[in-house]
Amino acid sequence: MQLSLFPETQTSNAKDKSVFSDPSFASNKLLPVHRWIPWIAGFSSSFVRGVVETKLPQPGTVLDPFAGVGTTLVESALIGHDGVGFEINPYAALACRVKVNAYKLDPEDIQSKVRVAKADKACRLYESVVELRQPK
């Protein structure tokens, strides 16, 4: 079963309970994109979404001076905000850039390119086997 990059329906639980009810990264382990890079210091996406929706109800810009692996920037983008983040750790900064840009990708286009790459590799492998079998 192919998982989508983002859940089809992702709703905030800000109305049901406090935005501070789940600040840890634990619930992110089940979510596409957020589960890619477990980060001990990260916030849960539901916590971030709840805070952003509560504090910035209209489209705006979210500043994350310690972006980590991008949970705040991803959630901000998904609900229609611009985001600016800074991260000093090169690994976390790379993970953040990948996650923030992932929603722009078309999964079907990626699958198509993977199929082409696999077919090309299979073709080259076949050609090398045929070449090895040819008498010199």
N, C-alpha and C. Protein backbone atom coordinates (compact mmCIF):
# COMPACT_ATOMS: atom_id res chain seq x y z
N MET A 1 0.83 -1.17 0.00
CA MET A 1 0.00 0.00 0.00
C MET A 1 0.88 1.24 0.00
N GLN A 2 0.62 2.14 -0.93
CA GLN A 2 1.39 3.38 -1.03
C GLN A 2 0.79 4.44 -0.11
N LEU A 3 1.61 5.00 0.75
CA LEU A 3 1.14 6.07 1.62
C LEU A 3 1.27 7.40 0.90
N SER A 4 0.32 8.27 1.12
CA SER A 4 0.40 9.59 0.51
C SER A 4 1.38 10.45 1.29
N LEU A 5 1.86 11.50 0.64
CA LEU A 5 2.79 12.39 1.31
C LEU A 5 2.14 13.09 2.49
N PHE A 6 0.88 13.47 2.32
CA PHE A 6 0.15 14.14 3.38
C PHE A 6 -1.21 13.50 3.52
N PRO A 7 -1.75 13.43 4.73
CA PRO A 7 -3.09 12.86 4.90
C PRO A 7 -4.12 13.66 4.13
N GLU A 8 -5.13 12.97 3.61
CA GLU A 8 -6.17 13.64 2.84
C GLU A 8 -6.94 14.64 3.69
N THR A 9 -7.28 14.24 4.88
CA THR A 9 -7.98 15.16 5.78
C THR A 9 -7.20 15.26 7.06
N GLN A 10 -6.70 16.42 7.30
CA GLN A 10 -5.94 16.65 8.51
C GLN A 10 -6.60 17.82 9.22
N THR A 11 -7.20 17.53 10.33
CA THR A 11 -7.92 18.58 11.03
C THR A 11 -7.23 18.90 12.34
N SER A 12 -7.40 20.11 12.74
CA SER A 12 -6.82 20.54 14.00
C SER A 12 -7.72 20.10 15.14
N ASN A 13 -7.09 19.74 16.24
CA ASN A 13 -7.88 19.40 17.40
C ASN A 13 -7.89 20.57 18.38
N ALA A 14 -7.62 21.77 17.88
CA ALA A 14 -7.55 22.95 18.74
C ALA A 14 -8.89 23.23 19.41
N LYS A 15 -9.98 22.90 18.76
CA LYS A 15 -11.30 23.16 19.33
C LYS A 15 -11.64 22.13 20.40
N ASP A 16 -11.09 20.92 20.27
CA ASP A 16 -11.44 19.84 21.16
C ASP A 16 -10.66 19.87 22.47
N LYS A 17 -9.42 20.34 22.42
CA LYS A 17 -8.60 20.36 23.63
C LYS A 17 -7.53 21.43 23.50
N SER A 18 -6.83 21.63 24.56
CA SER A 18 -5.80 22.66 24.60
C SER A 18 -4.73 22.41 23.56
N VAL A 19 -4.20 23.49 22.99
CA VAL A 19 -3.12 23.33 22.02
C VAL A 19 -1.86 22.81 22.69
N PHE A 20 -1.82 22.84 24.00
CA PHE A 20 -0.64 22.38 24.71
C PHE A 20 -0.78 20.92 25.17
N SER A 21 -1.80 20.22 24.70
CA SER A 21 -2.05 18.86 25.16
C SER A 21 -1.04 17.85 24.65
N ASP A 22 -0.43 18.08 23.51
CA ASP A 22 0.54 17.12 22.97
C ASP A 22 1.71 17.86 22.33
N PRO A 23 2.58 18.46 23.15
CA PRO A 23 3.69 19.21 22.56
C PRO A 23 4.84 18.33 22.06
N SER A 24 4.91 17.05 22.47
CA SER A 24 6.06 16.22 22.10
C SER A 24 5.95 15.69 20.68
N PHE A 25 7.04 15.16 20.19
CA PHE A 25 7.12 14.64 18.83
C PHE A 25 6.43 13.28 18.68
N ALA A 26 6.02 12.66 19.77
CA ALA A 26 5.54 11.28 19.75
C ALA A 26 4.45 11.01 18.71
N SER A 27 3.47 11.89 18.60
CA SER A 27 2.38 11.63 17.65
C SER A 27 2.83 11.77 16.19
N ASN A 28 3.95 12.43 15.95
CA ASN A 28 4.45 12.58 14.58
C ASN A 28 4.94 11.26 13.99
N LYS A 29 5.21 10.30 14.82
CA LYS A 29 5.71 9.01 14.35
C LYS A 29 4.72 8.29 13.44
N LEU A 30 3.47 8.71 13.45
CA LEU A 30 2.44 8.08 12.64
C LEU A 30 2.08 8.89 11.41
N LEU A 31 2.65 10.07 11.24
CA LEU A 31 2.24 10.97 10.16
C LEU A 31 3.23 10.98 9.00
N PRO A 32 2.70 10.97 7.77
CA PRO A 32 3.58 11.11 6.61
C PRO A 32 4.40 12.39 6.72
N VAL A 33 5.54 12.42 6.13
CA VAL A 33 6.50 13.51 6.13
C VAL A 33 7.10 13.73 7.51
N HIS A 34 6.29 13.91 8.53
CA HIS A 34 6.84 14.16 9.87
C HIS A 34 7.57 12.94 10.43
N ARG A 35 7.17 11.74 10.02
CA ARG A 35 7.82 10.54 10.56
C ARG A 35 9.15 10.24 9.87
N TRP A 36 9.46 10.95 8.81
CA TRP A 36 10.68 10.67 8.07
C TRP A 36 11.92 10.83 8.93
N ILE A 37 11.96 11.86 9.73
CA ILE A 37 13.13 12.14 10.55
C ILE A 37 12.68 12.31 11.99
N PRO A 38 12.87 11.30 12.83
CA PRO A 38 12.50 11.47 14.23
C PRO A 38 13.47 12.45 14.89
N TRP A 39 12.95 13.38 15.61
CA TRP A 39 13.78 14.44 16.20
C TRP A 39 13.35 14.61 17.64
N ILE A 40 14.23 14.32 18.55
CA ILE A 40 13.89 14.31 19.97
C ILE A 40 13.40 15.67 20.46
N ALA A 41 13.92 16.73 19.89
CA ALA A 41 13.56 18.07 20.37
C ALA A 41 12.37 18.67 19.62
N GLY A 42 11.75 17.90 18.74
CA GLY A 42 10.69 18.44 17.91
C GLY A 42 9.33 18.50 18.59
N PHE A 43 8.49 19.38 18.09
CA PHE A 43 7.10 19.48 18.54
C PHE A 43 6.23 18.56 17.70
N SER A 44 5.09 18.17 18.23
CA SER A 44 4.15 17.40 17.43
C SER A 44 3.49 18.34 16.42
N SER A 45 3.11 17.80 15.30
CA SER A 45 2.47 18.61 14.26
C SER A 45 1.13 19.15 14.74
N SER A 46 0.40 18.37 15.54
CA SER A 46 -0.90 18.85 16.03
C SER A 46 -0.73 20.02 16.99
N PHE A 47 0.31 19.98 17.80
CA PHE A 47 0.60 21.10 18.70
C PHE A 47 0.91 22.36 17.90
N VAL A 48 1.81 22.22 16.92
CA VAL A 48 2.20 23.36 16.09
C VAL A 48 1.00 23.92 15.34
N ARG A 49 0.23 23.03 14.71
CA ARG A 49 -0.94 23.46 13.95
C ARG A 49 -1.92 24.21 14.86
N GLY A 50 -2.16 23.69 16.03
CA GLY A 50 -3.08 24.34 16.96
C GLY A 50 -2.61 25.73 17.36
N VAL A 51 -1.33 25.86 17.66
CA VAL A 51 -0.79 27.17 18.04
C VAL A 51 -0.86 28.15 16.87
N VAL A 52 -0.45 27.70 15.68
CA VAL A 52 -0.47 28.60 14.52
C VAL A 52 -1.90 29.02 14.18
N GLU A 53 -2.83 28.07 14.18
CA GLU A 53 -4.23 28.42 13.88
C GLU A 53 -4.81 29.37 14.92
N THR A 54 -4.42 29.20 16.17
CA THR A 54 -4.94 30.07 17.24
C THR A 54 -4.34 31.47 17.19
N LYS A 55 -3.05 31.54 16.99
CA LYS A 55 -2.34 32.82 17.06
C LYS A 55 -2.28 33.56 15.73
N LEU A 56 -2.48 32.86 14.63
CA LEU A 56 -2.39 33.48 13.30
C LEU A 56 -3.55 32.97 12.44
N PRO A 57 -4.78 33.44 12.73
CA PRO A 57 -5.94 32.91 12.02
C PRO A 57 -6.03 33.31 10.55
N GLN A 58 -5.39 34.40 10.17
CA GLN A 58 -5.37 34.85 8.78
C GLN A 58 -4.01 34.51 8.17
N PRO A 59 -3.93 34.34 6.85
CA PRO A 59 -2.63 34.05 6.22
C PRO A 59 -1.58 35.09 6.62
N GLY A 60 -0.42 34.60 6.97
CA GLY A 60 0.66 35.48 7.39
C GLY A 60 1.99 34.77 7.24
N THR A 61 2.99 35.24 7.94
CA THR A 61 4.32 34.66 7.88
C THR A 61 4.70 34.15 9.26
N VAL A 62 5.18 32.92 9.30
CA VAL A 62 5.61 32.29 10.55
C VAL A 62 7.13 32.28 10.56
N LEU A 63 7.71 32.77 11.65
CA LEU A 63 9.16 32.76 11.83
C LEU A 63 9.51 31.66 12.81
N ASP A 64 10.41 30.76 12.40
CA ASP A 64 10.90 29.70 13.28
C ASP A 64 12.41 29.84 13.38
N PRO A 65 12.91 30.51 14.43
CA PRO A 65 14.36 30.75 14.53
C PRO A 65 15.18 29.50 14.85
N PHE A 66 14.53 28.44 15.28
CA PHE A 66 15.20 27.17 15.56
C PHE A 66 14.40 26.09 14.84
N ALA A 67 14.51 26.03 13.52
CA ALA A 67 13.61 25.24 12.68
C ALA A 67 13.73 23.73 12.87
N GLY A 68 14.85 23.25 13.36
CA GLY A 68 15.00 21.81 13.53
C GLY A 68 14.75 21.10 12.22
N VAL A 69 13.89 20.08 12.23
CA VAL A 69 13.59 19.33 11.01
C VAL A 69 12.33 19.81 10.32
N GLY A 70 11.83 20.98 10.71
CA GLY A 70 10.82 21.66 9.92
C GLY A 70 9.36 21.45 10.24
N THR A 71 9.03 20.90 11.39
CA THR A 71 7.62 20.65 11.70
C THR A 71 6.79 21.94 11.63
N THR A 72 7.29 23.00 12.22
CA THR A 72 6.56 24.26 12.23
C THR A 72 6.41 24.81 10.82
N LEU A 73 7.45 24.75 10.02
CA LEU A 73 7.39 25.28 8.67
C LEU A 73 6.47 24.46 7.78
N VAL A 74 6.51 23.14 7.93
CA VAL A 74 5.62 22.27 7.14
C VAL A 74 4.17 22.55 7.49
N GLU A 75 3.85 22.55 8.77
CA GLU A 75 2.46 22.78 9.18
C GLU A 75 1.99 24.17 8.77
N SER A 76 2.85 25.16 8.88
CA SER A 76 2.48 26.52 8.46
C SER A 76 2.15 26.56 6.98
N ALA A 77 2.97 25.92 6.18
CA ALA A 77 2.73 25.90 4.73
C ALA A 77 1.44 25.17 4.40
N LEU A 78 1.17 24.06 5.10
CA LEU A 78 -0.03 23.28 4.82
C LEU A 78 -1.32 24.03 5.11
N ILE A 79 -1.27 24.98 6.04
CA ILE A 79 -2.49 25.74 6.34
C ILE A 79 -2.47 27.13 5.71
N GLY A 80 -1.52 27.34 4.78
CA GLY A 80 -1.57 28.54 3.96
C GLY A 80 -0.72 29.71 4.38
N HIS A 81 0.22 29.51 5.27
CA HIS A 81 1.09 30.59 5.70
C HIS A 81 2.45 30.49 5.00
N ASP A 82 3.11 31.61 4.89
CA ASP A 82 4.51 31.61 4.48
C ASP A 82 5.34 31.29 5.72
N GLY A 83 6.52 30.77 5.50
CA GLY A 83 7.36 30.44 6.64
C GLY A 83 8.81 30.79 6.37
N VAL A 84 9.49 31.22 7.42
CA VAL A 84 10.92 31.51 7.37
C VAL A 84 11.53 30.79 8.56
N GLY A 85 12.57 30.01 8.30
CA GLY A 85 13.20 29.28 9.39
C GLY A 85 14.71 29.34 9.30
N PHE A 86 15.33 29.21 10.45
CA PHE A 86 16.79 29.19 10.55
C PHE A 86 17.18 27.94 11.33
N GLU A 87 18.26 27.29 10.88
CA GLU A 87 18.75 26.11 11.58
C GLU A 87 20.25 26.02 11.38
N ILE A 88 20.98 25.88 12.48
CA ILE A 88 22.44 25.83 12.43
C ILE A 88 22.96 24.42 12.15
N ASN A 89 22.20 23.39 12.54
CA ASN A 89 22.62 22.01 12.34
C ASN A 89 22.41 21.64 10.87
N PRO A 90 23.49 21.30 10.14
CA PRO A 90 23.34 21.02 8.70
C PRO A 90 22.43 19.84 8.40
N TYR A 91 22.47 18.81 9.23
CA TYR A 91 21.59 17.65 9.01
C TYR A 91 20.12 18.04 9.16
N ALA A 92 19.82 18.75 10.23
CA ALA A 92 18.44 19.18 10.47
C ALA A 92 18.00 20.16 9.38
N ALA A 93 18.89 21.05 8.95
CA ALA A 93 18.54 22.02 7.90
C ALA A 93 18.21 21.30 6.59
N LEU A 94 18.98 20.27 6.24
CA LEU A 94 18.68 19.50 5.03
C LEU A 94 17.34 18.79 5.17
N ALA A 95 17.11 18.14 6.30
CA ALA A 95 15.84 17.45 6.53
C ALA A 95 14.68 18.44 6.45
N CYS A 96 14.86 19.61 7.00
CA CYS A 96 13.83 20.64 6.98
C CYS A 96 13.52 21.06 5.53
N ARG A 97 14.55 21.30 4.74
CA ARG A 97 14.33 21.69 3.34
C ARG A 97 13.59 20.60 2.56
N VAL A 98 13.97 19.36 2.79
CA VAL A 98 13.31 18.24 2.09
C VAL A 98 11.84 18.17 2.49
N LYS A 99 11.56 18.23 3.79
CA LYS A 99 10.17 18.12 4.25
C LYS A 99 9.32 19.30 3.79
N VAL A 100 9.87 20.49 3.84
CA VAL A 100 9.10 21.68 3.44
C VAL A 100 8.77 21.64 1.96
N ASN A 101 9.64 21.08 1.15
CA ASN A 101 9.40 21.03 -0.30
C ASN A 101 8.68 19.77 -0.75
N ALA A 102 8.51 18.80 0.14
CA ALA A 102 7.90 17.52 -0.25
C ALA A 102 6.47 17.68 -0.75
N TYR A 103 5.72 18.60 -0.17
CA TYR A 103 4.32 18.73 -0.58
C TYR A 103 4.18 19.28 -1.98
N LYS A 104 5.26 19.82 -2.53
CA LYS A 104 5.24 20.35 -3.89
C LYS A 104 5.43 19.24 -4.94
N LEU A 105 5.85 18.07 -4.49
CA LEU A 105 6.14 16.97 -5.41
C LEU A 105 4.87 16.21 -5.77
N ASP A 106 4.85 15.68 -6.96
CA ASP A 106 3.74 14.85 -7.42
C ASP A 106 4.17 13.38 -7.28
N PRO A 107 3.57 12.64 -6.36
CA PRO A 107 3.98 11.24 -6.13
C PRO A 107 3.92 10.39 -7.40
N GLU A 108 2.94 10.62 -8.27
CA GLU A 108 2.84 9.83 -9.50
C GLU A 108 4.02 10.14 -10.43
N ASP A 109 4.46 11.39 -10.47
CA ASP A 109 5.61 11.76 -11.28
C ASP A 109 6.87 11.07 -10.75
N ILE A 110 7.01 11.02 -9.43
CA ILE A 110 8.16 10.35 -8.83
C ILE A 110 8.15 8.87 -9.16
N GLN A 111 6.98 8.23 -9.03
CA GLN A 111 6.87 6.81 -9.34
C GLN A 111 7.21 6.54 -10.80
N SER A 112 6.77 7.41 -11.70
CA SER A 112 7.06 7.26 -13.11
C SER A 112 8.57 7.34 -13.37
N LYS A 113 9.22 8.29 -12.73
CA LYS A 113 10.67 8.44 -12.90
C LYS A 113 11.43 7.25 -12.32
N VAL A 114 10.94 6.70 -11.22
CA VAL A 114 11.58 5.51 -10.64
C VAL A 114 11.44 4.33 -11.59
N ARG A 115 10.25 4.16 -12.19
CA ARG A 115 10.05 3.07 -13.15
C ARG A 115 11.01 3.21 -14.33
N VAL A 116 11.17 4.43 -14.84
CA VAL A 116 12.08 4.67 -15.96
C VAL A 116 13.51 4.33 -15.55
N ALA A 117 13.90 4.76 -14.36
CA ALA A 117 15.26 4.48 -13.88
C ALA A 117 15.49 2.97 -13.72
N LYS A 118 14.50 2.26 -13.18
CA LYS A 118 14.62 0.81 -13.02
C LYS A 118 14.72 0.12 -14.38
N ALA A 119 13.90 0.55 -15.34
CA ALA A 119 13.93 -0.04 -16.67
C ALA A 119 15.28 0.21 -17.33
N ASP A 120 15.81 1.42 -17.17
CA ASP A 120 17.11 1.76 -17.74
C ASP A 120 18.21 0.90 -17.11
N LYS A 121 18.15 0.72 -15.80
CA LYS A 121 19.14 -0.11 -15.12
C LYS A 121 19.04 -1.55 -15.59
N ALA A 122 17.82 -2.07 -15.72
CA ALA A 122 17.62 -3.44 -16.20
C ALA A 122 18.16 -3.59 -17.61
N CYS A 123 17.94 -2.59 -18.45
CA CYS A 123 18.43 -2.63 -19.83
C CYS A 123 19.96 -2.66 -19.86
N ARG A 124 20.58 -1.81 -19.05
CA ARG A 124 22.05 -1.78 -19.01
C ARG A 124 22.61 -3.08 -18.46
N LEU A 125 21.93 -3.67 -17.47
CA LEU A 125 22.37 -4.94 -16.91
C LEU A 125 22.29 -6.04 -17.97
N TYR A 126 21.18 -6.08 -18.71
CA TYR A 126 21.01 -7.06 -19.78
C TYR A 126 22.11 -6.90 -20.83
N GLU A 127 22.39 -5.67 -21.24
CA GLU A 127 23.43 -5.41 -22.24
C GLU A 127 24.80 -5.87 -21.76
N SER A 128 25.09 -5.67 -20.47
CA SER A 128 26.40 -6.09 -19.95
C SER A 128 26.50 -7.60 -19.89
N VAL A 129 25.39 -8.29 -19.59
CA VAL A 129 25.40 -9.76 -19.57
C VAL A 129 25.59 -10.29 -20.99
N VAL A 130 24.89 -9.71 -21.96
CA VAL A 130 25.03 -10.12 -23.35
C VAL A 130 26.46 -9.90 -23.82
N GLU A 131 27.04 -8.78 -23.43
CA GLU A 131 28.42 -8.47 -23.82
C GLU A 131 29.39 -9.47 -23.23
N LEU A 132 29.17 -9.90 -21.99
CA LEU A 132 30.04 -10.87 -21.35
C LEU A 132 29.95 -12.23 -22.03
N ARG A 133 28.82 -12.58 -22.57
CA ARG A 133 28.62 -13.87 -23.21
C ARG A 133 29.20 -13.93 -24.63
N GLN A 134 29.45 -12.80 -25.20
CA GLN A 134 29.98 -12.77 -26.57
C GLN A 134 31.43 -13.23 -26.56
N PRO A 135 31.78 -14.11 -27.50
CA PRO A 135 33.18 -14.56 -27.56
C PRO A 135 34.09 -13.40 -27.99
N LYS A 136 35.26 -13.42 -27.44
CA LYS A 136 36.23 -12.35 -27.77
C LYS A 136 37.16 -12.76 -28.85
